N, C-alpha and C. Protein backbone atom coordinates (compact mmCIF):
# COMPACT_ATOMS: atom_id res chain seq x y z
N UNK A 1 109.01 80.02 70.86
CA UNK A 1 110.41 79.18 71.02
C UNK A 1 110.27 78.45 72.65
N UNK A 2 110.91 77.59 71.84
CA UNK A 2 111.17 76.34 73.33
C UNK A 2 112.76 76.41 74.23
N UNK A 3 112.89 76.58 75.14
CA UNK A 3 114.23 76.46 76.67
C UNK A 3 113.92 75.52 76.97
N UNK A 4 114.88 74.73 77.92
CA UNK A 4 115.04 73.98 78.46
C UNK A 4 114.07 73.45 79.60
N UNK A 5 112.90 72.69 79.77
CA UNK A 5 111.87 72.72 79.35
C UNK A 5 110.73 73.96 80.08
N UNK A 6 110.73 74.82 78.84
CA UNK A 6 109.70 76.23 78.81
C UNK A 6 109.70 76.10 77.60
N UNK A 7 108.27 76.77 77.42
CA UNK A 7 107.95 77.91 76.30
C UNK A 7 107.34 79.17 76.13
N UNK A 8 108.68 80.11 75.66
CA UNK A 8 107.75 81.08 75.73
C UNK A 8 107.53 81.46 74.42
N UNK A 9 106.23 82.82 74.72
CA UNK A 9 105.21 82.81 73.85
C UNK A 9 105.50 84.87 73.85
N UNK A 10 105.54 85.51 72.45
CA UNK A 10 104.76 87.05 72.23
C UNK A 10 104.03 86.93 72.40
N UNK A 11 103.35 87.80 73.25
CA UNK A 11 101.73 88.44 73.22
C UNK A 11 101.85 90.23 72.97
N UNK A 12 100.43 90.10 73.80
CA UNK A 12 100.18 91.54 73.51
C UNK A 12 99.09 91.36 75.23
N UNK A 13 98.99 91.87 75.95
CA UNK A 13 98.35 92.08 76.81
C UNK A 13 97.63 93.31 77.71
N UNK A 14 96.13 93.54 77.23
CA UNK A 14 95.69 95.34 77.35
C UNK A 14 96.49 96.21 76.17
N UNK A 15 96.79 95.51 75.51
CA UNK A 15 97.59 97.43 74.65
C UNK A 15 99.29 96.61 74.46
N UNK A 16 99.86 96.38 75.62
CA UNK A 16 101.14 96.69 75.87
C UNK A 16 102.03 94.52 75.43
N UNK A 17 102.74 94.97 75.12
CA UNK A 17 104.00 93.81 74.53
C UNK A 17 104.13 93.13 75.81
N UNK A 18 104.52 91.39 75.62
CA UNK A 18 104.37 90.71 76.79
C UNK A 18 105.06 89.77 76.22
N UNK A 19 105.71 88.43 77.19
CA UNK A 19 106.48 87.44 76.65
C UNK A 19 105.94 86.68 77.88
N UNK A 20 105.13 85.46 77.42
CA UNK A 20 104.49 84.76 78.69
C UNK A 20 105.37 83.58 78.25
N UNK A 21 106.30 83.11 79.51
CA UNK A 21 106.18 81.13 79.62
C UNK A 21 105.85 80.21 80.62
N UNK A 22 105.84 79.80 80.16
CA UNK A 22 105.39 78.33 80.75
C UNK A 22 106.27 77.82 80.65
N UNK A 23 106.40 76.64 82.07
CA UNK A 23 106.90 75.49 81.96
C UNK A 23 106.46 74.64 81.67
N UNK A 24 107.90 74.10 81.59
CA UNK A 24 106.72 72.30 81.31
C UNK A 24 105.81 71.11 82.82
N UNK A 25 105.07 70.69 82.08
CA UNK A 25 104.36 69.68 83.60
C UNK A 25 105.49 69.07 84.08
N UNK A 26 106.20 68.26 83.49
CA UNK A 26 107.31 67.26 82.83
C UNK A 26 108.87 68.11 84.99
N UNK A 27 108.30 69.33 83.78
CA UNK A 27 109.31 70.05 85.10
C UNK A 27 109.07 70.84 85.82
N UNK A 28 108.23 71.10 85.99
CA UNK A 28 107.61 71.17 87.60
C UNK A 28 106.90 70.49 88.31
N UNK A 29 106.50 69.66 88.00
CA UNK A 29 105.57 68.57 89.07
C UNK A 29 106.74 67.80 89.58
N UNK A 30 107.62 67.15 89.52
CA UNK A 30 108.67 67.03 89.98
C UNK A 30 109.70 68.40 91.00
N UNK A 31 109.13 68.74 90.78
CA UNK A 31 110.22 69.62 91.84
C UNK A 31 109.06 70.07 93.05
N UNK A 32 110.22 69.82 94.09
CA UNK A 32 109.14 69.99 95.47
C UNK A 32 109.22 71.57 95.95
N UNK A 33 109.77 72.58 95.00
CA UNK A 33 109.08 73.70 95.56
C UNK A 33 108.56 74.41 94.73
N UNK A 34 107.40 73.58 93.43
CA UNK A 34 106.90 73.12 93.24
C UNK A 34 105.12 74.49 93.82
N UNK A 35 104.59 73.84 95.26
CA UNK A 35 103.13 73.90 96.41
C UNK A 35 103.56 75.66 96.32
N UNK A 36 105.05 75.82 96.21
CA UNK A 36 105.43 77.45 97.03
C UNK A 36 106.37 78.34 95.81
N UNK A 37 105.81 77.58 94.02
CA UNK A 37 105.86 78.99 93.09
C UNK A 37 104.42 78.72 92.34
N UNK A 38 103.97 77.78 92.54
CA UNK A 38 102.45 78.13 91.75
C UNK A 38 101.17 77.24 92.23
N UNK A 39 100.26 78.34 92.15
CA UNK A 39 99.33 77.44 92.15
C UNK A 39 97.79 76.66 91.62
N UNK A 40 98.70 76.75 90.68
CA UNK A 40 98.07 76.46 88.88
C UNK A 40 97.53 74.30 89.30
N UNK A 41 96.30 74.87 88.95
CA UNK A 41 95.53 73.04 88.92
C UNK A 41 96.49 72.48 88.42
N UNK A 42 96.91 72.95 86.82
CA UNK A 42 98.03 71.78 85.55
C UNK A 42 98.49 70.91 86.73
N UNK A 43 99.71 72.58 87.97
CA UNK A 43 100.59 71.81 88.37
C UNK A 43 101.96 72.42 87.78
N UNK A 44 102.55 74.03 86.64
CA UNK A 44 103.13 74.07 86.36
C UNK A 44 103.50 75.97 86.76
N UNK A 45 104.54 76.26 87.11
CA UNK A 45 104.25 77.84 86.19
C UNK A 45 104.31 78.63 85.63
N UNK A 46 103.79 79.65 85.02
CA UNK A 46 103.59 81.10 83.86
C UNK A 46 104.20 82.12 84.67
N UNK A 47 105.13 82.60 84.29
CA UNK A 47 105.73 83.83 83.84
C UNK A 47 105.70 84.87 82.95
N UNK A 48 104.80 86.33 83.50
CA UNK A 48 104.15 87.44 82.10
C UNK A 48 106.40 88.20 82.99
N UNK A 49 106.35 88.74 81.55
CA UNK A 49 107.59 89.62 81.16
C UNK A 49 107.64 90.66 80.98
N UNK A 50 107.10 91.73 81.44
CA UNK A 50 106.84 93.22 80.46
C UNK A 50 108.33 93.79 80.08
N UNK A 51 107.52 94.99 79.13
CA UNK A 51 108.48 96.00 79.24
C UNK A 51 109.18 96.83 80.12
N UNK A 52 110.00 96.68 80.09
CA UNK A 52 110.59 97.29 81.61
C UNK A 52 110.05 98.79 82.43
N UNK A 53 109.85 99.96 81.79
CA UNK A 53 109.71 101.24 81.58
C UNK A 53 108.10 100.81 83.22
N UNK A 54 107.13 99.94 81.80
CA UNK A 54 106.01 100.22 82.84
C UNK A 54 105.70 98.83 82.96
N UNK A 55 106.44 98.00 82.75
CA UNK A 55 106.85 97.66 84.57
C UNK A 55 107.53 97.90 86.00
N UNK A 56 108.46 98.87 86.15
CA UNK A 56 108.83 100.07 87.07
C UNK A 56 107.95 100.82 87.60
N UNK A 57 106.73 101.57 86.44
CA UNK A 57 105.51 102.22 87.27
C UNK A 57 104.96 101.44 87.70
N UNK A 58 104.62 100.13 87.64
CA UNK A 58 103.85 99.64 88.39
C UNK A 58 103.92 99.00 89.65
N UNK A 59 105.41 98.63 89.53
CA UNK A 59 105.50 98.02 90.89
C UNK A 59 106.12 99.53 92.00
N UNK A 60 106.48 101.16 90.92
CA UNK A 60 106.26 102.11 92.14
C UNK A 60 104.85 102.52 92.34
N UNK A 61 103.49 102.06 91.89
CA UNK A 61 102.06 102.49 91.98
C UNK A 61 101.84 101.93 93.37
N UNK A 62 102.64 100.22 93.44
CA UNK A 62 101.75 98.82 94.42
C UNK A 62 102.46 99.63 94.69
N UNK A 63 104.07 100.20 95.69
CA UNK A 63 104.49 100.87 96.54
C UNK A 63 104.11 101.99 97.51
N UNK A 64 103.50 102.43 96.20
CA UNK A 64 102.00 104.80 96.56
C UNK A 64 101.56 103.76 97.66
N UNK A 65 101.33 102.98 96.96
CA UNK A 65 99.43 101.79 97.43
C UNK A 65 98.92 101.72 99.30
N UNK A 66 100.50 101.22 99.31
CA UNK A 66 101.32 100.95 100.76
C UNK A 66 101.23 101.67 102.47
N UNK A 67 101.15 103.25 100.97
CA UNK A 67 101.63 104.56 102.28
C UNK A 67 100.48 104.88 102.70
N UNK A 68 100.35 105.72 104.44
CA UNK A 68 98.91 105.75 104.18
C UNK A 68 98.35 107.40 104.18
N UNK A 69 99.64 108.03 103.06
CA UNK A 69 98.84 109.66 102.50
C UNK A 69 98.12 109.12 101.21
N UNK A 70 98.40 108.10 100.51
CA UNK A 70 97.61 107.21 99.93
C UNK A 70 96.91 106.41 99.88
N UNK A 71 96.43 105.80 101.02
CA UNK A 71 95.52 105.37 101.81
C UNK A 71 94.29 106.03 102.08
N UNK A 72 94.26 106.94 102.54
CA UNK A 72 93.87 108.88 103.20
C UNK A 72 93.13 109.34 102.00
N UNK A 73 93.70 109.61 101.21
CA UNK A 73 93.27 110.33 100.28
C UNK A 73 91.98 109.53 99.21
N UNK A 74 92.57 108.54 99.68
CA UNK A 74 91.77 107.20 98.10
C UNK A 74 90.57 106.72 99.08
N UNK A 75 90.72 107.15 100.02
CA UNK A 75 89.71 106.13 101.48
C UNK A 75 88.51 107.78 100.61
N UNK A 76 88.51 108.78 100.31
CA UNK A 76 88.08 110.06 100.57
C UNK A 76 87.23 109.56 98.37
N UNK A 77 87.71 109.40 98.21
CA UNK A 77 87.25 108.31 96.51
C UNK A 77 86.76 107.19 96.42
N UNK A 78 87.02 106.79 97.30
CA UNK A 78 86.29 105.26 97.81
C UNK A 78 84.46 105.78 98.04
N UNK A 79 84.78 106.44 98.89
CA UNK A 79 82.94 107.11 99.27
C UNK A 79 82.21 107.60 98.35
N UNK A 80 82.80 107.91 97.41
CA UNK A 80 82.37 108.56 97.01
C UNK A 80 81.58 107.77 95.07
N UNK A 81 82.26 107.31 94.92
CA UNK A 81 82.45 105.56 94.44
C UNK A 81 81.62 105.30 94.12
N UNK A 82 81.26 104.85 95.67
CA UNK A 82 80.15 103.74 95.90
C UNK A 82 78.74 105.14 96.26
N UNK A 83 78.78 106.28 95.53
CA UNK A 83 77.77 107.18 95.93
C UNK A 83 77.78 107.14 94.37
N UNK A 84 78.05 107.06 93.33
CA UNK A 84 78.34 106.87 91.92
C UNK A 84 76.97 105.21 91.96
N UNK A 85 78.18 104.88 92.65
CA UNK A 85 76.84 103.22 91.90
C UNK A 85 76.21 103.54 93.22
N UNK A 86 76.02 103.49 93.36
CA UNK A 86 74.35 103.77 93.70
C UNK A 86 73.10 104.34 93.45
N UNK A 87 73.41 105.30 93.02
CA UNK A 87 72.77 106.45 92.38
C UNK A 87 72.85 105.55 90.43
N UNK A 88 73.86 105.02 90.22
CA UNK A 88 73.45 104.51 89.05
C UNK A 88 72.81 103.13 89.33
N UNK A 89 72.32 102.19 90.23
CA UNK A 89 72.33 101.51 90.92
C UNK A 89 70.17 101.32 90.43
N UNK A 90 70.18 102.23 91.68
CA UNK A 90 68.38 102.75 91.84
C UNK A 90 68.42 105.17 91.15
N UNK A 91 68.68 105.00 90.01
CA UNK A 91 67.89 105.48 89.70
C UNK A 91 68.31 105.94 88.10
N UNK A 92 69.48 104.93 87.50
CA UNK A 92 70.03 104.76 86.77
C UNK A 92 70.76 106.15 85.71
N UNK A 93 71.11 106.65 86.12
CA UNK A 93 71.52 108.22 85.78
C UNK A 93 72.80 108.12 84.71
N UNK A 94 72.95 106.96 84.13
CA UNK A 94 73.54 106.46 83.54
C UNK A 94 73.49 106.97 82.12
N UNK A 95 72.12 107.24 81.61
CA UNK A 95 71.70 107.89 80.85
C UNK A 95 70.16 108.56 80.65
N UNK A 96 69.90 109.92 80.00
CA UNK A 96 69.81 110.18 80.80
C UNK A 96 68.21 110.48 79.59
N UNK A 97 67.85 110.34 80.74
CA UNK A 97 65.77 110.58 79.73
C UNK A 97 65.27 111.02 79.04
N UNK A 98 66.18 112.86 79.44
CA UNK A 98 65.34 114.23 78.25
C UNK A 98 66.59 114.65 78.04
N UNK A 99 66.15 115.27 76.69
CA UNK A 99 67.03 116.14 76.15
C UNK A 99 67.11 117.62 76.03
N UNK A 100 68.41 118.27 76.14
CA UNK A 100 68.60 119.56 76.29
C UNK A 100 68.81 119.84 78.37
N UNK A 101 69.89 120.13 77.70
CA UNK A 101 71.03 120.43 79.54
C UNK A 101 69.89 121.53 80.42
N UNK A 102 69.19 121.81 80.63
CA UNK A 102 68.15 122.06 81.60
C UNK A 102 67.45 121.06 82.20
N UNK A 103 67.10 120.37 81.58
CA UNK A 103 66.14 118.78 81.84
C UNK A 103 66.56 117.52 82.46
N UNK A 104 68.45 117.58 82.02
CA UNK A 104 69.25 116.47 82.27
C UNK A 104 69.30 117.68 83.53
N UNK A 105 69.58 118.78 84.32
CA UNK A 105 69.98 119.16 85.43
C UNK A 105 68.78 119.27 86.89
N UNK A 106 67.69 118.54 85.80
CA UNK A 106 66.54 118.76 86.59
C UNK A 106 66.32 117.73 86.67
N UNK A 107 66.51 115.98 85.83
CA UNK A 107 66.95 114.14 86.37
C UNK A 107 67.40 114.93 87.40
N UNK A 108 68.94 115.06 87.28
CA UNK A 108 70.18 114.68 88.20
C UNK A 108 69.43 115.32 89.58
N UNK A 109 69.62 116.10 89.17
CA UNK A 109 68.35 116.76 90.61
C UNK A 109 67.84 116.34 91.94
N UNK A 110 67.08 114.98 90.87
CA UNK A 110 64.83 114.04 91.13
C UNK A 110 66.11 112.99 91.73
N UNK A 111 67.50 113.22 90.91
CA UNK A 111 67.73 111.84 91.66
C UNK A 111 68.67 111.85 92.76
N UNK A 112 69.20 112.94 92.84
CA UNK A 112 70.15 113.05 93.46
C UNK A 112 69.41 113.07 95.29
N UNK A 113 67.80 113.50 94.48
CA UNK A 113 66.98 113.77 96.21
C UNK A 113 66.55 112.49 96.49
N UNK A 114 66.87 111.87 95.03
CA UNK A 114 65.94 110.47 95.54
C UNK A 114 67.20 109.58 96.13
N UNK A 115 67.62 109.46 96.02
CA UNK A 115 69.04 108.72 96.55
C UNK A 115 68.86 109.29 97.78
N UNK A 116 69.15 110.57 98.26
CA UNK A 116 68.54 110.77 100.09
C UNK A 116 68.14 111.01 100.39
N UNK A 117 66.87 110.40 99.66
CA UNK A 117 65.45 109.53 100.91
C UNK A 117 65.87 108.05 100.70
N UNK A 118 65.84 107.90 99.96
CA UNK A 118 66.87 106.09 100.08
C UNK A 118 68.07 105.44 101.36
N UNK A 119 68.44 106.61 101.31
CA UNK A 119 69.86 107.06 102.19
C UNK A 119 68.97 107.44 103.54
N UNK A 120 68.46 108.42 103.77
CA UNK A 120 67.62 108.75 105.11
C UNK A 120 66.66 107.75 105.46
N UNK A 121 66.08 106.80 104.43
CA UNK A 121 65.22 105.59 104.68
C UNK A 121 66.05 104.19 105.64
N UNK A 122 67.39 103.89 104.59
CA UNK A 122 68.36 102.80 105.31
C UNK A 122 68.66 104.09 106.80
N UNK A 123 68.73 104.72 107.56
CA UNK A 123 69.07 105.39 107.65
C UNK A 123 68.18 105.19 109.44
């Protein structure tokens, strides 16, 4: 559908309904506020409108992420995520080499030991 100087299109983004509004280049280029409005290479503005409830939840989550309590909790998770990432890179524990829980446990124990040795060497 066309509006004055804009085109809007209903789409699905990440499984959620949204509406993308694309403004015309003829509308945006002569605008004195274009640099404040968009950083698009083409020089035109695009807006994405989502349903109210998910958008409000996203705004609340982003506001919560700015609090010190959330940052403190996330710092713990970030450390664990780093350890998991390092274990995946060094030992490849995403897939077990063996079948059966006792063997997989042993593989994970060896992987953790190898990770500790690598960290000890780096220290």
